[in-house]
Each structure stands twice: as C-alpha cells, then as structure tokens.
Amino acid sequence: MTVFIQGLIFLIQVYLVIILIRVVFSFVSPFPTNPVSRLAWQLTEPVLAPVRRLLPPMGGLDLSPMVVGIAAIIILSILSSVPQ
C-alpha cells in the first residue's frame, strides 16, 4: 500500500508541474506551436475543461488551473497523512 500511495503522490506532483508548464506557456506563447506546450495541453485539458465549464465567466481569465492545483494539493496532503 505504501508503494501505491507514494507512486500516486509522485504522479500528482508531476501533473502539477505539467499544469505549471501550461500556465507559463499560456503567457509566453498563446498559440501552442511548441511540442512541449502541445503535450502539456493534451495532458491537462481533460481535467481542466470540465472545471472550466463549472466556473463562472471571469472576463477571459481562466482560473481552472488554480482550482485543479488547489484540489491536487489538498489530495496530496490527505495522501501524505495516511499512516504507513
């Protein structure tokens, strides 16, 4: 069970880094022409799109990465507190 939880924690941390890469690329290059940007978009869009639909319009500001990031951090703290 410990190996499973540690692996899950690692995957969530990697996913948070990919979300951060997507956010940075959205400021640097609005059009996803970079292969890294495309990969980050393909990996995060299935999670971010449903959250984006639930959020009210914010005048062009996309808060879905922040919402998913906060949820991931909460999940990480819960998984870290599970007894070994």
N, C-alpha and C. Protein backbone atom coordinates (compact mmCIF):
# COMPACT_ATOMS: atom_id res chain seq x y z
N MET A 1 0.82 -1.20 0.00
CA MET A 1 0.00 0.00 0.00
C MET A 1 0.87 1.26 0.00
N THR A 2 1.97 1.22 0.70
CA THR A 2 2.85 2.38 0.78
C THR A 2 3.41 2.73 -0.60
N VAL A 3 3.81 1.73 -1.36
CA VAL A 3 4.38 1.98 -2.69
C VAL A 3 3.31 2.59 -3.59
N PHE A 4 2.08 2.12 -3.48
CA PHE A 4 0.98 2.66 -4.28
C PHE A 4 0.74 4.13 -3.95
N ILE A 5 0.70 4.45 -2.67
CA ILE A 5 0.45 5.84 -2.26
C ILE A 5 1.61 6.73 -2.68
N GLN A 6 2.84 6.26 -2.52
CA GLN A 6 4.00 7.05 -2.93
C GLN A 6 3.99 7.28 -4.45
N GLY A 7 3.61 6.27 -5.21
CA GLY A 7 3.51 6.42 -6.66
C GLY A 7 2.42 7.41 -7.05
N LEU A 8 1.30 7.36 -6.35
CA LEU A 8 0.20 8.29 -6.61
C LEU A 8 0.61 9.72 -6.28
N ILE A 9 1.31 9.89 -5.18
CA ILE A 9 1.81 11.22 -4.80
C ILE A 9 2.77 11.74 -5.87
N PHE A 10 3.65 10.89 -6.36
CA PHE A 10 4.58 11.30 -7.40
C PHE A 10 3.85 11.72 -8.68
N LEU A 11 2.85 10.94 -9.09
CA LEU A 11 2.10 11.27 -10.31
C LEU A 11 1.35 12.60 -10.17
N ILE A 12 0.79 12.84 -9.00
CA ILE A 12 0.08 14.11 -8.79
C ILE A 12 1.07 15.27 -8.82
N GLN A 13 2.24 15.09 -8.24
CA GLN A 13 3.25 16.16 -8.27
C GLN A 13 3.72 16.43 -9.70
N VAL A 14 3.90 15.40 -10.49
CA VAL A 14 4.30 15.58 -11.89
C VAL A 14 3.18 16.31 -12.64
N TYR A 15 1.93 15.96 -12.37
CA TYR A 15 0.80 16.61 -13.03
C TYR A 15 0.74 18.09 -12.66
N LEU A 16 1.05 18.42 -11.42
CA LEU A 16 1.09 19.83 -11.02
C LEU A 16 2.17 20.59 -11.79
N VAL A 17 3.31 19.96 -12.01
CA VAL A 17 4.37 20.60 -12.79
C VAL A 17 3.91 20.80 -14.23
N ILE A 18 3.22 19.83 -14.79
CA ILE A 18 2.72 19.96 -16.16
C ILE A 18 1.70 21.09 -16.26
N ILE A 19 0.84 21.24 -15.25
CA ILE A 19 -0.10 22.36 -15.23
C ILE A 19 0.66 23.67 -15.17
N LEU A 20 1.70 23.73 -14.37
CA LEU A 20 2.50 24.95 -14.27
C LEU A 20 3.17 25.28 -15.61
N ILE A 21 3.66 24.27 -16.30
CA ILE A 21 4.25 24.48 -17.62
C ILE A 21 3.20 25.04 -18.57
N ARG A 22 2.00 24.50 -18.52
CA ARG A 22 0.93 25.01 -19.39
C ARG A 22 0.61 26.47 -19.08
N VAL A 23 0.56 26.82 -17.81
CA VAL A 23 0.26 28.20 -17.43
C VAL A 23 1.35 29.13 -17.92
N VAL A 24 2.61 28.75 -17.74
CA VAL A 24 3.72 29.59 -18.19
C VAL A 24 3.68 29.75 -19.71
N PHE A 25 3.45 28.66 -20.43
CA PHE A 25 3.38 28.75 -21.88
C PHE A 25 2.19 29.59 -22.36
N SER A 26 1.13 29.64 -21.58
CA SER A 26 -0.01 30.47 -21.99
C SER A 26 0.36 31.95 -21.94
N PHE A 27 1.30 32.33 -21.09
CA PHE A 27 1.76 33.72 -21.05
C PHE A 27 2.81 33.99 -22.12
N VAL A 28 3.67 33.03 -22.39
CA VAL A 28 4.77 33.22 -23.31
C VAL A 28 4.32 33.07 -24.76
N SER A 29 3.57 32.03 -25.05
CA SER A 29 3.16 31.74 -26.43
C SER A 29 1.68 31.36 -26.44
N PRO A 30 0.80 32.25 -26.84
CA PRO A 30 -0.63 31.93 -26.82
C PRO A 30 -1.02 30.82 -27.79
N PHE A 31 -0.27 30.65 -28.87
CA PHE A 31 -0.59 29.58 -29.82
C PHE A 31 0.32 28.39 -29.56
N PRO A 32 -0.27 27.21 -29.34
CA PRO A 32 0.53 26.03 -28.96
C PRO A 32 1.32 25.45 -30.13
N THR A 33 2.37 26.12 -30.55
CA THR A 33 3.21 25.62 -31.64
C THR A 33 4.38 24.80 -31.13
N ASN A 34 4.71 24.96 -29.88
CA ASN A 34 5.82 24.23 -29.27
C ASN A 34 5.35 22.81 -28.92
N PRO A 35 6.15 21.76 -29.20
CA PRO A 35 5.73 20.40 -28.86
C PRO A 35 5.51 20.19 -27.36
N VAL A 36 6.31 20.85 -26.53
CA VAL A 36 6.13 20.73 -25.07
C VAL A 36 4.82 21.37 -24.67
N SER A 37 4.50 22.50 -25.27
CA SER A 37 3.24 23.17 -24.98
C SER A 37 2.05 22.31 -25.42
N ARG A 38 2.18 21.70 -26.60
CA ARG A 38 1.11 20.82 -27.08
C ARG A 38 0.91 19.63 -26.16
N LEU A 39 2.01 19.03 -25.72
CA LEU A 39 1.92 17.88 -24.82
C LEU A 39 1.28 18.28 -23.50
N ALA A 40 1.69 19.41 -22.96
CA ALA A 40 1.10 19.88 -21.70
C ALA A 40 -0.38 20.14 -21.88
N TRP A 41 -0.78 20.70 -23.01
CA TRP A 41 -2.19 20.97 -23.27
C TRP A 41 -2.97 19.66 -23.36
N GLN A 42 -2.43 18.67 -24.08
CA GLN A 42 -3.11 17.39 -24.25
C GLN A 42 -3.25 16.63 -22.93
N LEU A 43 -2.28 16.76 -22.04
CA LEU A 43 -2.33 16.04 -20.77
C LEU A 43 -3.23 16.72 -19.75
N THR A 44 -3.36 18.04 -19.82
CA THR A 44 -4.13 18.75 -18.79
C THR A 44 -5.55 19.10 -19.21
N GLU A 45 -5.81 19.21 -20.50
CA GLU A 45 -7.13 19.64 -20.95
C GLU A 45 -8.26 18.71 -20.50
N PRO A 46 -8.09 17.37 -20.47
CA PRO A 46 -9.19 16.52 -19.99
C PRO A 46 -9.61 16.80 -18.55
N VAL A 47 -8.70 17.33 -17.75
CA VAL A 47 -9.05 17.65 -16.36
C VAL A 47 -9.51 19.11 -16.24
N LEU A 48 -8.85 20.00 -16.96
CA LEU A 48 -9.17 21.42 -16.84
C LEU A 48 -10.49 21.80 -17.51
N ALA A 49 -10.84 21.16 -18.62
CA ALA A 49 -12.06 21.54 -19.36
C ALA A 49 -13.33 21.39 -18.52
N PRO A 50 -13.55 20.27 -17.82
CA PRO A 50 -14.77 20.18 -17.00
C PRO A 50 -14.80 21.21 -15.87
N VAL A 51 -13.64 21.50 -15.29
CA VAL A 51 -13.58 22.50 -14.22
C VAL A 51 -13.89 23.88 -14.80
N ARG A 52 -13.37 24.16 -15.99
CA ARG A 52 -13.61 25.44 -16.65
C ARG A 52 -15.09 25.64 -16.93
N ARG A 53 -15.79 24.57 -17.29
CA ARG A 53 -17.24 24.67 -17.55
C ARG A 53 -18.02 24.96 -16.28
N LEU A 54 -17.53 24.50 -15.13
CA LEU A 54 -18.22 24.73 -13.87
C LEU A 54 -18.02 26.14 -13.33
N LEU A 55 -16.90 26.77 -13.68
CA LEU A 55 -16.59 28.10 -13.17
C LEU A 55 -17.37 29.16 -13.94
N PRO A 56 -17.79 30.22 -13.26
CA PRO A 56 -18.48 31.30 -13.98
C PRO A 56 -17.49 32.07 -14.85
N PRO A 57 -17.97 32.73 -15.90
CA PRO A 57 -17.08 33.52 -16.76
C PRO A 57 -16.37 34.62 -15.95
N MET A 58 -15.08 34.74 -16.18
CA MET A 58 -14.28 35.72 -15.43
C MET A 58 -13.65 36.75 -16.35
N GLY A 59 -14.28 37.05 -17.46
CA GLY A 59 -13.76 38.06 -18.37
C GLY A 59 -12.47 37.64 -19.06
N GLY A 60 -12.39 36.41 -19.51
CA GLY A 60 -11.21 35.94 -20.22
C GLY A 60 -10.14 35.35 -19.32
N LEU A 61 -10.33 35.38 -18.01
CA LEU A 61 -9.35 34.83 -17.08
C LEU A 61 -9.71 33.38 -16.78
N ASP A 62 -8.78 32.48 -17.01
CA ASP A 62 -9.01 31.04 -16.79
C ASP A 62 -8.46 30.66 -15.41
N LEU A 63 -9.37 30.38 -14.50
CA LEU A 63 -8.97 30.00 -13.14
C LEU A 63 -8.94 28.49 -12.93
N SER A 64 -9.23 27.72 -13.97
CA SER A 64 -9.28 26.27 -13.80
C SER A 64 -7.94 25.67 -13.38
N PRO A 65 -6.78 26.14 -13.86
CA PRO A 65 -5.52 25.56 -13.34
C PRO A 65 -5.34 25.80 -11.84
N MET A 66 -5.78 26.95 -11.37
CA MET A 66 -5.66 27.23 -9.94
C MET A 66 -6.58 26.32 -9.12
N VAL A 67 -7.81 26.11 -9.60
CA VAL A 67 -8.76 25.24 -8.89
C VAL A 67 -8.24 23.80 -8.86
N VAL A 68 -7.77 23.31 -10.00
CA VAL A 68 -7.23 21.95 -10.05
C VAL A 68 -5.97 21.84 -9.20
N GLY A 69 -5.14 22.87 -9.21
CA GLY A 69 -3.93 22.86 -8.39
C GLY A 69 -4.23 22.81 -6.91
N ILE A 70 -5.21 23.59 -6.47
CA ILE A 70 -5.59 23.58 -5.05
C ILE A 70 -6.16 22.22 -4.68
N ALA A 71 -7.00 21.66 -5.55
CA ALA A 71 -7.56 20.32 -5.27
C ALA A 71 -6.45 19.28 -5.20
N ALA A 72 -5.46 19.38 -6.09
CA ALA A 72 -4.35 18.42 -6.07
C ALA A 72 -3.52 18.56 -4.80
N ILE A 73 -3.31 19.79 -4.35
CA ILE A 73 -2.55 20.00 -3.12
C ILE A 73 -3.30 19.43 -1.92
N ILE A 74 -4.62 19.59 -1.90
CA ILE A 74 -5.43 19.01 -0.82
C ILE A 74 -5.33 17.49 -0.85
N ILE A 75 -5.41 16.90 -2.04
CA ILE A 75 -5.29 15.45 -2.17
C ILE A 75 -3.90 14.98 -1.73
N LEU A 76 -2.88 15.74 -2.09
CA LEU A 76 -1.51 15.40 -1.66
C LEU A 76 -1.37 15.42 -0.15
N SER A 77 -1.97 16.42 0.49
CA SER A 77 -1.86 16.48 1.95
C SER A 77 -2.63 15.33 2.61
N ILE A 78 -3.75 14.93 2.04
CA ILE A 78 -4.50 13.80 2.58
C ILE A 78 -3.70 12.51 2.40
N LEU A 79 -3.13 12.32 1.20
CA LEU A 79 -2.35 11.11 0.97
C LEU A 79 -1.08 11.07 1.83
N SER A 80 -0.49 12.21 2.09
CA SER A 80 0.72 12.24 2.92
C SER A 80 0.42 11.92 4.37
N SER A 81 -0.81 12.17 4.80
CA SER A 81 -1.15 11.92 6.20
C SER A 81 -1.64 10.49 6.44
N VAL A 82 -1.76 9.69 5.37
CA VAL A 82 -2.17 8.30 5.53
C VAL A 82 -1.06 7.55 6.24
N PRO A 83 -1.40 6.80 7.30
CA PRO A 83 -0.35 6.07 8.03
C PRO A 83 0.33 5.03 7.15
N GLN A 84 1.61 4.92 7.32
CA GLN A 84 2.41 3.96 6.53
C GLN A 84 2.20 2.63 7.12
